[in-house]
Amino acid sequence: MVTGIHLHAQEITAISVKGIVRTKPHVAEYPLKKFIGRDGMSLDFNEVHAAIVNTGILEPISIGVGENPGGDGMTLTVNVREKWAFFPFPVFFMDSDGGMSGGAAFMDANAFGLNDKFIVAGIFGTSGVIASLIYQNTPERNFPGWSLMGMYGRRDQRDTDQNKKDLRRYSQDTIIGSLGMNYSVTELLKTSISFSLHRRSIRESEDDLFPPEEGILSGGINPALEISRSHWDGFLLSQQNAKLDYTFLMVMDDPALHILSLRGNYELSMVPGFKAIIRGGIHYAPASPPLLESSASSVGINILPPSTFSAQHYAGAVLGLEKYLYKFSQGTLALLATYQAVYSYGPILEHQFDHGVTGAVNFYLSRIAIPALGFGLSYNVAADEFTSTFNIGMSF
């Protein structure tokens, strides 16, 4: 499908996307609209490549500019291959005590050909059960997108220190529902707002250790601003983004809570296939009860136990390097090394400072609509503790 307007002879006046089958034409063309009016003879194809990769569902095969056969100006022609977006996959976890959880998830990363995201998952194990459903509609030009999420969980929760020593143990039932809207103000700036309802109940257990005194029923509103852009260097995608979140929670029978979060990420390609990474974040949640504390992943830190360490406040920073290793037909392999430092505060451990190093192998998938898989190992120098990591680079 070709769309365009009439401008100067060397300016891009039309866009042609070839190779799409399931994806709607306007969805494939949307990220390329910004190139209309650009000088076709000096167009940066790496910028076009980055725009296509950022869709998450299309892989660019070739990019070219030629005369517009239907009128004045030039046509930007992009040949793409649709990624495999409709699939089930197994889920398996094992914790440091030998506890196991398994289940399955079903995902459609290009629902209805609109680049919408749909996922339903169920996980069962020695620590409990979790079921979730997510649908995220992608915003279009001058029209907002929306999202819907529901989750139910029954699990035995452990809150630990950096060495995985238990500080609290309790059983809880969790129900969370949320409805959100997001809008692209400009090519770089996005805004969103969501409304949520949380119900967390404490269940009595013979294995309790300093459990929370009571459950929580709360409703919240969460506005956010995000600015982002990306660059393709021929081997790796470099991203720069910053996001500011504010959450207001009304808690039944307790004072309202205010939560502020700021995260930033700056990636710079120094030479093709080799980039430097700087990340940082602040998470501030005064007076949050144990049931509403956050993990260190809220500021992009993974040297602390990901599922058991929680705190009210964090301030973290990451310095890293990532090197392209090899490109397969199924994707690109890269090696990542970082140094991380984080300050945290919680009512039990109070003020803590941790730092350490991580190493990971990332596989950026070109045929499947999951951005990346990562396998890594982190070492917390301050706590003398190793933690293994596995990441699926999804964004919801």
Protein backbone atom coordinates (compact mmCIF):
# COMPACT_ATOMS: atom_id res chain seq x y z
CA MET A 1 0.00 0.00 0.00
CA VAL A 2 1.32 3.47 -0.85
CA THR A 3 0.37 6.73 0.81
CA GLY A 4 1.76 10.21 0.26
CA ILE A 5 1.51 13.92 -0.48
CA HIS A 6 3.08 16.10 -3.20
CA LEU A 7 6.19 18.09 -2.28
CA HIS A 8 9.65 18.95 -3.72
CA ALA A 9 11.09 16.51 -6.31
CA GLN A 10 13.78 15.09 -3.96
CA GLU A 11 11.59 14.99 -0.89
CA ILE A 12 9.95 11.80 0.28
CA THR A 13 6.27 12.05 -0.56
CA ALA A 14 5.16 8.41 -0.23
CA ILE A 15 5.77 5.30 1.83
CA SER A 16 5.57 1.70 0.62
CA VAL A 17 5.83 -1.23 3.04
CA LYS A 18 6.10 -4.65 1.40
CA GLY A 19 6.06 -8.10 2.97
CA ILE A 20 3.27 -7.63 5.51
CA VAL A 21 0.60 -10.32 5.69
CA ARG A 22 -1.16 -10.11 9.04
CA THR A 23 -0.18 -6.56 10.02
CA LYS A 24 -2.55 -3.80 8.91
CA PRO A 25 -0.94 -1.45 6.35
CA HIS A 26 -1.54 1.70 8.43
CA VAL A 27 0.14 0.05 11.43
CA ALA A 28 3.28 -0.76 9.42
CA GLU A 29 3.36 2.71 7.86
CA TYR A 30 2.74 4.66 11.08
CA PRO A 31 6.37 4.72 12.41
CA LEU A 32 7.62 5.78 8.96
CA LYS A 33 5.31 8.80 8.55
CA LYS A 34 7.95 11.02 10.17
CA PHE A 35 10.17 10.58 7.10
CA ILE A 36 7.68 12.23 4.74
CA GLY A 37 9.10 15.63 3.78
CA ARG A 38 12.71 14.53 4.39
CA ASP A 39 15.37 14.78 1.66
CA GLY A 40 15.37 11.33 0.10
CA MET A 41 18.96 11.60 -1.15
CA SER A 42 20.40 12.18 2.35
CA LEU A 43 18.09 9.97 4.38
CA ASP A 44 19.80 7.98 7.16
CA PHE A 45 18.76 4.36 6.56
CA ASN A 46 19.92 3.42 10.07
CA GLU A 47 17.23 5.74 11.42
CA VAL A 48 14.64 4.02 9.25
CA HIS A 49 15.89 0.64 10.44
CA ALA A 50 15.52 1.71 14.10
CA ALA A 51 11.95 2.89 13.49
CA ILE A 52 10.99 -0.50 12.04
CA VAL A 53 12.74 -2.51 14.79
CA ASN A 54 10.94 -0.42 17.43
CA THR A 55 7.59 -1.79 16.25
CA GLY A 56 8.62 -5.08 17.83
CA ILE A 57 6.75 -7.09 15.18
CA LEU A 58 8.64 -6.33 11.95
CA GLU A 59 12.16 -7.18 10.82
CA PRO A 60 13.60 -4.93 8.06
CA ILE A 61 14.98 -6.83 5.08
CA SER A 62 15.81 -3.94 2.74
CA ILE A 63 15.34 -0.16 2.64
CA GLY A 64 15.42 2.02 -0.44
CA VAL A 65 14.38 5.38 -1.91
CA GLY A 66 13.28 5.86 -5.52
CA GLU A 67 11.19 8.08 -7.73
CA ASN A 68 7.50 8.16 -6.91
CA PRO A 69 5.72 6.49 -9.86
CA GLY A 70 2.40 8.02 -8.82
CA GLY A 71 3.46 11.66 -8.68
CA ASP A 72 6.20 14.12 -7.68
CA GLY A 73 8.92 13.42 -5.14
CA MET A 74 10.35 10.11 -3.96
CA THR A 75 9.02 6.93 -2.35
CA LEU A 76 10.54 5.33 0.74
CA THR A 77 10.24 1.59 0.12
CA VAL A 78 10.76 -0.88 2.95
CA ASN A 79 10.71 -4.66 2.61
CA VAL A 80 9.99 -6.37 5.93
CA ARG A 81 9.37 -9.79 7.39
CA GLU A 82 6.71 -10.22 10.05
CA LYS A 83 7.94 -11.79 13.27
CA TRP A 84 6.25 -14.82 14.76
CA ALA A 85 3.86 -13.12 17.19
CA PHE A 86 1.24 -15.75 18.04
CA PHE A 87 2.53 -18.54 20.28
CA PRO A 88 2.38 -20.37 23.62
CA PHE A 89 5.49 -20.93 25.74
CA PRO A 90 6.31 -22.79 28.96
CA VAL A 91 7.28 -21.00 32.18
CA PHE A 92 9.61 -22.53 34.78
CA PHE A 93 11.28 -21.10 37.92
CA MET A 94 13.47 -22.55 40.68
CA ASP A 95 14.42 -20.56 43.80
CA SER A 96 17.52 -20.88 46.00
CA ASP A 97 15.72 -23.26 48.42
CA GLY A 98 14.79 -25.74 45.71
CA GLY A 99 11.20 -24.58 45.35
CA MET A 100 9.83 -24.98 41.83
CA SER A 101 7.08 -23.29 39.85
CA GLY A 102 5.88 -24.04 36.37
CA GLY A 103 3.11 -23.21 34.01
CA ALA A 104 2.40 -21.79 30.61
CA ALA A 105 1.66 -18.50 28.92
CA PHE A 106 -0.05 -17.68 25.65
CA MET A 107 0.88 -14.48 23.84
CA ASP A 108 -0.15 -12.60 20.74
CA ALA A 109 2.21 -9.67 20.22
CA ASN A 110 0.33 -8.48 17.11
CA ALA A 111 -3.31 -9.02 18.07
CA PHE A 112 -5.74 -8.33 15.19
CA GLY A 113 -2.76 -7.13 13.10
CA LEU A 114 -2.76 -3.87 15.11
CA ASN A 115 0.49 -4.39 17.05
CA ASP A 116 -1.65 -4.82 20.17
CA LYS A 117 -0.34 -7.09 22.94
CA PHE A 118 -2.33 -9.89 24.54
CA ILE A 119 -1.03 -12.35 27.11
CA VAL A 120 -2.65 -14.84 29.47
CA ALA A 121 -0.55 -16.88 31.90
CA GLY A 122 -0.92 -19.39 34.68
CA ILE A 123 1.87 -20.48 37.05
CA PHE A 124 1.62 -23.20 39.71
CA GLY A 125 4.26 -24.29 42.19
CA THR A 126 5.41 -25.03 45.70
CA SER A 127 4.97 -21.39 46.75
CA GLY A 128 1.51 -20.82 45.25
CA VAL A 129 -0.40 -19.98 42.11
CA ILE A 130 -0.60 -16.90 39.87
CA ALA A 131 -2.96 -16.21 36.97
CA SER A 132 -2.86 -13.04 34.86
CA LEU A 133 -4.35 -11.46 31.75
CA ILE A 134 -3.05 -8.38 29.93
CA TYR A 135 -4.26 -6.54 26.83
CA GLN A 136 -2.45 -3.45 25.56
CA ASN A 137 -3.72 -1.43 22.61
CA THR A 138 -1.08 0.54 20.67
CA PRO A 139 -1.77 4.29 20.25
CA GLU A 140 -1.93 5.80 16.78
CA ARG A 141 -1.35 9.32 15.54
CA ASN A 142 -3.77 11.73 17.28
CA PHE A 143 -5.57 8.83 18.95
CA PRO A 144 -4.81 7.31 22.38
CA GLY A 145 -4.22 3.66 23.16
CA TRP A 146 -5.49 1.77 26.17
CA SER A 147 -4.54 -1.16 28.39
CA LEU A 148 -6.31 -3.64 30.65
CA MET A 149 -4.73 -5.90 33.27
CA GLY A 150 -6.06 -8.42 35.78
CA MET A 151 -4.10 -10.66 38.14
CA TYR A 152 -4.89 -13.16 40.88
CA GLY A 153 -2.25 -14.76 43.09
CA ARG A 154 -2.08 -17.04 46.12
CA ARG A 155 1.44 -17.53 47.34
CA ASP A 156 3.81 -17.97 50.27
CA GLN A 157 5.88 -14.79 50.37
CA ARG A 158 9.45 -14.55 51.66
CA ASP A 159 11.07 -11.18 52.35
CA THR A 160 14.84 -11.54 52.75
CA ASP A 161 18.04 -9.58 53.15
CA GLN A 162 20.82 -9.46 50.54
CA ASN A 163 22.01 -12.96 51.56
CA LYS A 164 18.52 -14.45 51.17
CA LYS A 165 18.09 -14.79 54.94
CA ASP A 166 14.39 -14.63 55.85
CA LEU A 167 13.16 -11.43 57.49
CA ARG A 168 9.44 -12.12 57.00
CA ARG A 169 7.37 -15.09 55.89
CA TYR A 170 3.66 -15.03 55.28
CA SER A 171 0.92 -16.23 52.97
CA GLN A 172 -1.17 -13.82 50.95
CA ASP A 173 -3.95 -13.63 48.38
CA THR A 174 -3.64 -10.86 45.81
CA ILE A 175 -6.14 -9.41 43.35
CA ILE A 176 -5.07 -6.52 41.10
CA GLY A 177 -7.01 -4.85 38.31
CA SER A 178 -6.03 -1.82 36.24
CA LEU A 179 -7.25 0.24 33.29
CA GLY A 180 -4.96 2.69 31.53
CA MET A 181 -4.69 5.11 28.62
CA ASN A 182 -1.57 6.29 26.78
CA TYR A 183 -1.04 8.98 24.18
CA SER A 184 1.89 9.96 21.94
CA VAL A 185 2.13 13.75 22.26
CA THR A 186 5.04 13.92 19.79
CA GLU A 187 7.41 11.45 18.19
CA LEU A 188 9.57 11.60 21.35
CA LEU A 189 7.10 12.40 24.15
CA LYS A 190 4.47 10.01 25.52
CA THR A 191 2.04 10.40 28.37
CA SER A 192 -0.11 7.86 30.18
CA ILE A 193 -2.52 7.47 33.06
CA SER A 194 -3.87 4.36 34.76
CA PHE A 195 -6.39 3.53 37.45
CA SER A 196 -5.93 0.47 39.63
CA LEU A 197 -7.52 -1.51 42.45
CA HIS A 198 -5.43 -3.65 44.82
CA ARG A 199 -6.70 -6.23 47.32
CA ARG A 200 -4.08 -8.08 49.36
CA SER A 201 -5.22 -10.43 52.13
CA ILE A 202 -3.07 -12.18 54.74
CA ARG A 203 -3.74 -15.88 55.36
CA GLU A 204 -2.66 -17.63 58.53
CA SER A 205 0.15 -20.15 58.16
CA GLU A 206 2.17 -22.34 60.51
CA ASP A 207 5.34 -21.07 58.87
CA ASP A 208 4.68 -17.34 59.54
CA LEU A 209 7.60 -15.13 60.57
CA PHE A 210 6.75 -11.52 61.54
CA PRO A 211 3.88 -11.32 59.03
CA PRO A 212 2.12 -8.01 58.26
CA GLU A 213 -0.61 -7.26 60.77
CA GLU A 214 -3.37 -6.91 58.20
CA GLY A 215 -4.19 -6.89 54.51
CA ILE A 216 -4.75 -3.88 52.29
CA LEU A 217 -7.55 -2.60 50.06
CA SER A 218 -6.46 0.36 47.96
CA GLY A 219 -7.29 2.27 44.80
CA GLY A 220 -4.78 4.34 42.88
CA ILE A 221 -4.15 6.71 40.01
CA ASN A 222 -0.83 6.77 38.16
CA PRO A 223 0.05 9.51 35.65
CA ALA A 224 3.39 9.25 33.82
CA LEU A 225 5.54 11.06 31.27
CA GLU A 226 8.13 9.38 29.06
CA ILE A 227 10.58 10.65 26.47
CA SER A 228 12.44 8.19 24.25
CA ARG A 229 14.36 7.75 21.02
CA SER A 230 16.62 5.10 19.49
CA HIS A 231 19.48 4.63 17.01
CA TRP A 232 20.60 1.61 14.95
CA ASP A 233 24.36 1.32 14.33
CA GLY A 234 24.16 -1.64 11.97
CA PHE A 235 24.54 -4.26 14.71
CA LEU A 236 22.85 -3.09 17.94
CA LEU A 237 19.96 -0.79 18.83
CA SER A 238 20.89 2.05 21.21
CA GLN A 239 18.08 3.64 23.21
CA GLN A 240 17.77 6.85 25.21
CA ASN A 241 14.75 7.32 27.43
CA ALA A 242 13.54 8.82 30.70
CA LYS A 243 10.28 8.17 32.54
CA LEU A 244 8.66 9.96 35.46
CA ASP A 245 5.85 8.20 37.39
CA TYR A 246 3.68 9.45 40.23
CA THR A 247 1.22 7.18 42.03
CA PHE A 248 -1.47 8.27 44.49
CA LEU A 249 -2.98 5.42 46.50
CA MET A 250 -6.07 5.70 48.68
CA VAL A 251 -5.77 2.98 51.35
CA MET A 252 -8.83 1.92 53.33
CA ASP A 253 -8.48 2.72 57.08
CA ASP A 254 -4.97 4.15 56.54
CA PRO A 255 -3.43 7.41 55.28
CA ALA A 256 -3.04 7.87 51.53
CA LEU A 257 0.31 6.95 49.97
CA HIS A 258 2.39 8.97 47.50
CA ILE A 259 4.94 7.14 45.33
CA LEU A 260 7.42 8.86 43.00
CA SER A 261 9.63 7.05 40.50
CA LEU A 262 12.17 8.38 37.99
CA ARG A 263 14.21 6.22 35.63
CA GLY A 264 16.64 7.11 32.87
CA ASN A 265 18.62 5.11 30.31
CA TYR A 266 21.31 6.43 27.95
CA GLU A 267 22.97 4.08 25.47
CA LEU A 268 25.66 5.37 23.11
CA SER A 269 27.13 3.46 20.18
CA MET A 270 30.88 4.18 20.31
CA VAL A 271 31.66 2.08 17.22
CA PRO A 272 29.25 -0.17 15.30
CA GLY A 273 28.43 -3.17 17.47
CA PHE A 274 29.86 -1.74 20.70
CA LYS A 275 27.90 0.57 23.01
CA ALA A 276 28.21 2.20 26.43
CA ILE A 277 25.28 2.17 28.84
CA ILE A 278 24.38 4.54 31.67
CA ARG A 279 21.21 3.89 33.69
CA GLY A 280 19.84 5.33 36.87
CA GLY A 281 16.68 5.52 38.90
CA ILE A 282 14.99 6.76 42.06
CA HIS A 283 12.00 5.13 43.74
CA TYR A 284 10.52 7.01 46.70
CA ALA A 285 7.57 5.49 48.60
CA PRO A 286 7.43 6.83 52.16
CA ALA A 287 5.34 4.89 54.70
CA SER A 288 4.61 2.05 52.26
CA PRO A 289 3.53 -1.09 54.18
CA PRO A 290 5.35 -4.40 53.53
CA LEU A 291 2.67 -5.53 51.09
CA LEU A 292 3.36 -2.51 48.86
CA GLU A 293 7.16 -2.40 49.01
CA SER A 294 9.07 -2.73 45.71
CA SER A 295 11.97 -4.78 44.41
CA ALA A 296 15.24 -3.27 43.18
CA SER A 297 14.09 -3.83 39.59
CA SER A 298 12.06 -0.62 40.05
CA VAL A 299 15.36 1.24 39.47
CA GLY A 300 16.91 -1.26 37.03
CA ILE A 301 19.11 -3.09 39.57
CA ASN A 302 19.58 -6.88 39.54
CA ILE A 303 22.36 -7.53 42.09
CA LEU A 304 19.71 -8.00 44.83
CA PRO A 305 17.41 -11.05 45.13
CA PRO A 306 14.72 -10.22 42.53
CA SER A 307 11.70 -11.89 44.15
CA THR A 308 12.45 -11.62 47.88
CA PHE A 309 14.29 -8.34 48.59
CA SER A 310 11.96 -5.36 49.02
CA ALA A 311 12.23 -1.82 50.34
CA GLN A 312 10.44 1.52 50.41
CA HIS A 313 13.13 3.65 48.78
CA TYR A 314 15.85 3.06 46.19
CA ALA A 315 18.46 5.11 44.37
CA GLY A 316 20.50 3.13 41.86
CA ALA A 317 22.97 3.58 39.02
CA VAL A 318 24.40 1.26 36.35
CA LEU A 319 27.47 1.62 34.11
CA GLY A 320 27.89 -0.95 31.38
CA LEU A 321 29.29 -2.04 28.05
CA GLU A 322 27.62 -4.27 25.47
CA LYS A 323 29.46 -5.94 22.57
CA TYR A 324 27.96 -7.56 19.50
CA LEU A 325 29.25 -11.13 19.13
CA TYR A 326 27.49 -12.88 16.26
CA LYS A 327 24.44 -12.66 14.03
CA PHE A 328 22.41 -15.82 13.37
CA SER A 329 19.42 -16.26 11.11
CA GLN A 330 17.25 -16.20 14.27
CA GLY A 331 18.80 -13.09 15.86
CA THR A 332 21.88 -11.39 17.26
CA LEU A 333 24.05 -12.53 20.18
CA ALA A 334 25.69 -9.90 22.42
CA LEU A 335 27.70 -9.83 25.66
CA LEU A 336 26.80 -7.33 28.42
CA ALA A 337 28.87 -6.39 31.49
CA THR A 338 27.82 -3.82 34.12
CA TYR A 339 28.81 -2.32 37.44
CA GLN A 340 25.84 -1.47 39.67
CA ALA A 341 25.40 0.49 42.88
CA VAL A 342 22.20 0.96 44.88
CA TYR A 343 21.03 2.60 48.09
CA SER A 344 17.90 1.19 49.72
CA TYR A 345 15.82 1.86 52.81
CA GLY A 346 13.24 -0.36 54.48
CA PRO A 347 11.81 -0.48 58.02
CA ILE A 348 13.71 -3.68 58.96
CA LEU A 349 17.16 -3.33 57.37
CA GLU A 350 16.94 0.49 57.30
CA HIS A 351 19.76 2.16 55.32
CA GLN A 352 21.69 -0.19 53.04
CA PHE A 353 24.28 0.28 50.29
CA ASP A 354 25.08 -2.49 47.82
CA HIS A 355 27.31 -2.64 44.78
CA GLY A 356 28.49 -5.33 42.43
CA VAL A 357 29.08 -6.57 38.90
CA THR A 358 26.96 -8.47 36.39
CA GLY A 359 27.60 -10.36 33.21
CA ALA A 360 24.99 -11.53 30.75
CA VAL A 361 24.53 -12.99 27.30
CA ASN A 362 21.66 -11.35 25.41
CA PHE A 363 19.97 -12.84 22.38
CA TYR A 364 18.03 -10.27 20.34
CA LEU A 365 15.40 -12.20 18.41
CA SER A 366 14.72 -11.32 14.76
CA ARG A 367 12.07 -13.94 13.95
CA ILE A 368 9.99 -13.95 17.16
CA ALA A 369 8.15 -10.91 18.56
CA ILE A 370 10.02 -11.04 21.88
CA PRO A 371 12.71 -8.34 21.86
CA ALA A 372 15.39 -10.31 23.74
CA LEU A 373 16.31 -13.20 25.99
CA GLY A 374 19.03 -12.70 28.59
CA PHE A 375 20.98 -15.14 30.76
CA GLY A 376 23.31 -13.70 33.38
CA LEU A 377 25.06 -13.84 36.72
CA SER A 378 25.47 -11.03 39.23
CA TYR A 379 27.80 -10.70 42.21
CA ASN A 380 26.91 -8.38 45.11
CA VAL A 381 30.36 -7.40 46.42
CA ALA A 382 29.02 -5.81 49.62
CA ALA A 383 27.02 -8.93 50.55
CA ASP A 384 29.37 -11.50 48.96
CA GLU A 385 26.37 -13.08 47.24
CA PHE A 386 25.81 -14.45 43.72
CA THR A 387 22.43 -14.28 41.93
CA SER A 388 21.58 -15.82 38.58
CA THR A 389 19.23 -13.99 36.23
CA PHE A 390 17.00 -14.82 33.29
CA ASN A 391 15.19 -12.03 31.49
CA ILE A 392 12.55 -11.95 28.79
CA GLY A 393 12.58 -8.48 27.25
CA MET A 394 8.85 -7.84 27.13
CA SER A 395 7.27 -4.43 27.48
CA PHE A 396 3.69 -4.04 28.77
